[in-house]
Amino acid sequence: MTMIGDDLQQVRARIDQACAQAGRDPAAVRLLAVSKTFGPEAVREAHAAGQAAFGENYVQEGLDKIAALADLRAGLEWHCIGPLQSNKTRPVAEQFDWVHSIDRLKIAERLSAQRPAHLPPLQVCLQVNVDGGANKSGVPPEEALALARAVAALPQLQLRGLMAIPEPAPDFAAQRALCLRAHAVFEAIRAEGIALDTLSLGMSGDLEAAVSAGSTMVRVGTAIFGGRARKPA
């Protein structure tokens, strides 16, 4: 098995153990491999080890990989997980399968209008800023329900859930407390009759706390691919 394959196996074991400790079914938590700054060959290696879903923070980098791995397209699921500007919505709507980072209605409306009719609906999550970080993207929790209602009504999109990136915390208890804020917003929207099934929450350093708090999708980069690859100067 390759190094990436070994690391994937270890991450999956962490997810399984976290689910066991939380009394959850491991099948209820999906692994999204965050491949930003790593080239197509790393994605190809991870795919050969059984990984299908990949997250990209940077639109152009993701588009380049989608093109380079066109031979695997039917077996790959591409997630845009970084901040999305209006001038980048068209290629995302045309090429990606998921978007996790919707934090305003204008972006969702553009994605809906630009999603090609022959493709399945674009799967989307709202990004929620659960801890009030001033420099962080995301809709405030108190505005999430209204945005969810508006996005759920758009054609060519399927609202799946929420994504959050809590601030780093020093220990499991503190991490879990932040993750529970995201879970509370998720459940509050579900209680209003909006059928959400995805809570995109948890990364390499806090996936156990996120799983304990109810995450259904963890976004893991470093623990799979290693430290961030340096781009050529």
Protein backbone atom coordinates (compact mmCIF):
# COMPACT_ATOMS: atom_id res chain seq x y z
CA MET A 1 0.00 0.00 0.00
CA THR A 2 1.20 3.54 -0.77
CA MET A 3 1.89 6.21 1.86
CA ILE A 4 -1.36 7.99 1.00
CA GLY A 5 -3.16 4.67 1.16
CA ASP A 6 -1.69 4.02 4.60
CA ASP A 7 -2.71 7.46 5.81
CA LEU A 8 -6.24 7.00 4.47
CA GLN A 9 -6.50 3.73 6.34
CA GLN A 10 -5.39 5.43 9.56
CA VAL A 11 -7.90 8.26 9.13
CA ARG A 12 -10.71 5.81 8.49
CA ALA A 13 -9.67 3.94 11.64
CA ARG A 14 -9.87 7.22 13.59
CA ILE A 15 -13.37 7.84 12.25
CA ASP A 16 -14.45 4.30 13.13
CA GLN A 17 -13.07 4.66 16.66
CA ALA A 18 -14.69 8.07 17.13
CA CYS A 19 -18.02 6.65 15.98
CA ALA A 20 -17.68 3.70 18.38
CA GLN A 21 -17.01 6.05 21.28
CA ALA A 22 -20.00 8.21 20.32
CA GLY A 23 -22.30 5.24 19.76
CA ARG A 24 -22.69 6.08 16.07
CA ASP A 25 -22.64 3.95 12.93
CA PRO A 26 -19.36 4.57 11.04
CA ALA A 27 -21.36 4.47 7.81
CA ALA A 28 -23.02 7.73 8.91
CA VAL A 29 -19.76 9.70 8.58
CA ARG A 30 -18.24 10.34 5.16
CA LEU A 31 -14.58 11.19 4.59
CA LEU A 32 -13.81 14.11 2.30
CA ALA A 33 -10.13 14.16 1.31
CA VAL A 34 -8.95 17.77 1.05
CA SER A 35 -6.44 17.79 -1.77
CA LYS A 36 -5.61 21.51 -2.01
CA THR A 37 -1.99 22.24 -3.03
CA PHE A 38 -1.42 18.57 -3.93
CA GLY A 39 -1.36 17.58 -7.58
CA PRO A 40 -3.52 15.23 -9.61
CA GLU A 41 -1.13 12.34 -8.94
CA ALA A 42 -1.93 12.53 -5.21
CA VAL A 43 -5.66 12.41 -5.95
CA ARG A 44 -5.11 9.49 -8.32
CA GLU A 45 -3.19 7.66 -5.59
CA ALA A 46 -5.93 8.29 -3.03
CA HIS A 47 -8.58 7.14 -5.49
CA ALA A 48 -6.65 3.91 -6.08
CA ALA A 49 -6.84 3.39 -2.30
CA GLY A 50 -10.62 3.65 -2.37
CA GLN A 51 -11.26 7.38 -1.83
CA ALA A 52 -13.85 8.98 -4.11
CA ALA A 53 -14.72 12.41 -2.64
CA PHE A 54 -12.21 15.26 -2.82
CA GLY A 55 -12.39 18.83 -1.55
CA GLU A 56 -10.75 21.83 -3.17
CA ASN A 57 -10.39 25.27 -1.59
CA TYR A 58 -9.23 27.08 -4.72
CA VAL A 59 -11.48 27.05 -7.76
CA GLN A 60 -8.83 27.18 -10.49
CA GLU A 61 -6.69 24.52 -8.82
CA GLY A 62 -9.74 22.30 -8.59
CA LEU A 63 -10.67 22.87 -12.23
CA ASP A 64 -7.13 21.98 -13.31
CA LYS A 65 -7.33 18.69 -11.40
CA ILE A 66 -10.77 17.86 -12.74
CA ALA A 67 -9.39 18.28 -16.26
CA ALA A 68 -6.20 16.31 -15.52
CA LEU A 69 -8.21 13.44 -14.06
CA ALA A 70 -10.93 13.37 -16.69
CA ASP A 71 -10.38 9.63 -17.16
CA LEU A 72 -11.55 9.08 -13.56
CA ARG A 73 -14.42 11.60 -13.64
CA ALA A 74 -17.21 9.04 -13.26
CA GLY A 75 -15.60 7.73 -10.09
CA LEU A 76 -14.72 11.04 -8.45
CA GLU A 77 -16.88 13.49 -6.51
CA TRP A 78 -15.55 17.04 -6.46
CA HIS A 79 -16.42 19.41 -3.59
CA CYS A 80 -15.72 23.16 -3.63
CA ILE A 81 -15.07 24.00 0.02
CA GLY A 82 -13.39 27.41 -0.15
CA PRO A 83 -14.86 30.92 -0.27
CA LEU A 84 -16.63 31.49 -3.56
CA GLN A 85 -16.72 34.83 -5.38
CA SER A 86 -19.37 35.80 -7.91
CA ASN A 87 -16.96 35.73 -10.84
CA LYS A 88 -16.10 32.07 -10.13
CA THR A 89 -19.59 30.61 -9.83
CA ARG A 90 -20.03 29.55 -13.46
CA PRO A 91 -17.12 27.07 -13.70
CA VAL A 92 -18.02 25.71 -10.26
CA ALA A 93 -21.64 25.21 -11.31
CA GLU A 94 -20.48 23.50 -14.48
CA GLN A 95 -17.72 21.26 -13.11
CA PHE A 96 -18.15 20.53 -9.39
CA ASP A 97 -20.60 18.16 -7.70
CA TRP A 98 -20.84 19.90 -4.32
CA VAL A 99 -20.36 23.41 -2.89
CA HIS A 100 -19.95 23.74 0.90
CA SER A 101 -19.35 27.46 1.22
CA ILE A 102 -22.58 29.29 0.37
CA ASP A 103 -22.97 32.19 2.79
CA ARG A 104 -25.17 34.57 0.83
CA LEU A 105 -28.15 34.21 -1.46
CA LYS A 106 -26.52 35.93 -4.46
CA ILE A 107 -23.95 33.12 -4.77
CA ALA A 108 -26.63 30.46 -4.56
CA GLU A 109 -28.76 32.20 -7.18
CA ARG A 110 -25.84 32.38 -9.59
CA LEU A 111 -24.98 28.70 -9.06
CA SER A 112 -28.62 27.77 -9.66
CA ALA A 113 -28.86 29.80 -12.86
CA GLN A 114 -25.52 28.53 -14.17
CA ARG A 115 -25.90 24.81 -13.37
CA PRO A 116 -26.26 23.01 -16.74
CA ALA A 117 -29.69 21.46 -17.15
CA HIS A 118 -28.28 18.09 -18.22
CA LEU A 119 -26.43 17.64 -14.92
CA PRO A 120 -27.94 16.51 -11.63
CA PRO A 121 -28.70 19.30 -9.16
CA LEU A 122 -25.62 20.81 -7.52
CA GLN A 123 -25.41 19.58 -3.93
CA VAL A 124 -24.88 22.53 -1.59
CA CYS A 125 -24.22 23.38 2.05
CA LEU A 126 -24.48 26.72 3.81
CA GLN A 127 -21.34 27.85 5.60
CA VAL A 128 -22.16 29.02 9.12
CA ASN A 129 -19.80 31.13 11.22
CA VAL A 130 -20.47 29.47 14.58
CA ASP A 131 -17.93 31.36 16.69
CA GLY A 132 -18.16 34.86 15.29
CA GLY A 133 -14.65 35.09 13.85
CA ALA A 134 -14.51 38.53 12.23
CA ASN A 135 -12.29 37.41 9.34
CA LYS A 136 -14.11 34.17 8.64
CA SER A 137 -16.67 33.48 5.94
CA GLY A 138 -20.07 32.20 6.87
CA VAL A 139 -23.60 33.33 7.61
CA PRO A 140 -24.30 34.18 11.27
CA PRO A 141 -26.27 31.41 13.01
CA GLU A 142 -29.29 33.65 13.51
CA GLU A 143 -29.54 34.25 9.75
CA ALA A 144 -29.00 30.64 8.67
CA LEU A 145 -32.65 29.59 8.68
CA ALA A 146 -33.78 32.38 6.37
CA LEU A 147 -30.93 31.65 3.97
CA ALA A 148 -31.69 27.92 4.08
CA ARG A 149 -35.32 28.57 3.13
CA ALA A 150 -34.29 30.75 0.19
CA VAL A 151 -31.64 28.36 -1.09
CA ALA A 152 -33.89 25.31 -0.72
CA ALA A 153 -36.38 26.95 -3.10
CA LEU A 154 -33.88 27.42 -5.94
CA PRO A 155 -33.94 25.10 -8.97
CA GLN A 156 -30.86 23.10 -9.98
CA LEU A 157 -29.60 23.11 -6.38
CA GLN A 158 -30.21 20.58 -3.63
CA LEU A 159 -29.64 21.96 -0.15
CA ARG A 160 -27.96 19.19 1.82
CA GLY A 161 -26.83 20.83 5.03
CA LEU A 162 -24.33 23.06 6.78
CA MET A 163 -20.56 23.48 6.84
CA ALA A 164 -18.59 25.08 9.66
CA ILE A 165 -14.92 25.74 10.43
CA PRO A 166 -14.69 26.36 14.18
CA GLU A 167 -11.67 28.17 15.57
CA PRO A 168 -8.88 25.86 16.83
CA ALA A 169 -9.41 24.82 20.43
CA PRO A 170 -6.91 23.38 22.94
CA ASP A 171 -8.59 20.11 23.86
CA PHE A 172 -11.38 17.68 23.02
CA ALA A 173 -13.94 19.28 25.32
CA ALA A 174 -13.38 22.76 23.91
CA GLN A 175 -13.41 21.43 20.34
CA ARG A 176 -16.64 19.53 20.97
CA ALA A 177 -18.31 22.59 22.50
CA LEU A 178 -17.63 24.59 19.32
CA CYS A 179 -18.79 21.73 17.11
CA LEU A 180 -22.00 21.44 19.10
CA ARG A 181 -22.82 25.04 18.16
CA ALA A 182 -22.86 23.99 14.50
CA HIS A 183 -24.93 20.93 15.31
CA ALA A 184 -27.47 23.09 17.16
CA VAL A 185 -27.95 25.32 14.10
CA PHE A 186 -28.26 22.19 11.92
CA GLU A 187 -30.96 20.71 14.16
CA ALA A 188 -32.81 24.03 14.48
CA ILE A 189 -33.15 24.25 10.69
CA ARG A 190 -34.24 20.61 10.46
CA ALA A 191 -36.87 21.30 13.12
CA GLU A 192 -38.38 23.90 10.78
CA GLY A 193 -39.08 21.22 8.21
CA ILE A 194 -36.06 21.69 5.92
CA ALA A 195 -34.66 18.24 5.16
CA LEU A 196 -30.93 18.50 5.83
CA ASP A 197 -28.76 15.37 5.99
CA THR A 198 -25.19 16.73 5.92
CA LEU A 199 -23.16 18.44 8.62
CA SER A 200 -19.72 19.13 7.11
CA LEU A 201 -17.64 19.57 10.23
CA GLY A 202 -14.24 18.47 11.52
CA MET A 203 -10.71 18.37 10.11
CA SER A 204 -7.46 16.52 10.81
CA GLY A 205 -7.04 18.00 14.27
CA ASP A 206 -10.58 17.80 15.60
CA LEU A 207 -12.39 15.06 13.71
CA GLU A 208 -13.04 13.04 16.89
CA ALA A 209 -14.76 15.99 18.55
CA ALA A 210 -16.75 16.69 15.37
CA VAL A 211 -17.94 13.08 15.11
CA SER A 212 -18.91 13.18 18.78
CA ALA A 213 -20.93 16.33 18.09
CA GLY A 214 -22.82 14.83 15.14
CA SER A 215 -20.74 15.55 12.04
CA THR A 216 -21.70 13.50 9.00
CA MET A 217 -18.75 14.56 6.82
CA VAL A 218 -15.19 15.29 7.97
CA ARG A 219 -12.82 17.25 5.74
CA VAL A 220 -9.30 15.85 6.16
CA GLY A 221 -6.21 17.05 4.31
CA THR A 222 -3.00 17.00 6.35
CA ALA A 223 -3.60 13.59 7.93
CA ILE A 224 -3.98 12.07 4.44
CA PHE A 225 -1.60 14.00 2.21
CA GLY A 226 0.86 15.43 4.74
CA GLY A 227 1.84 19.07 5.21
CA ARG A 228 0.82 21.53 2.56
CA ALA A 229 2.77 21.11 -0.65
CA ARG A 230 4.76 24.14 -1.74
CA LYS A 231 3.78 25.58 -5.07
CA PRO A 232 6.63 26.26 -7.49
CA ALA A 233 7.97 29.82 -7.31
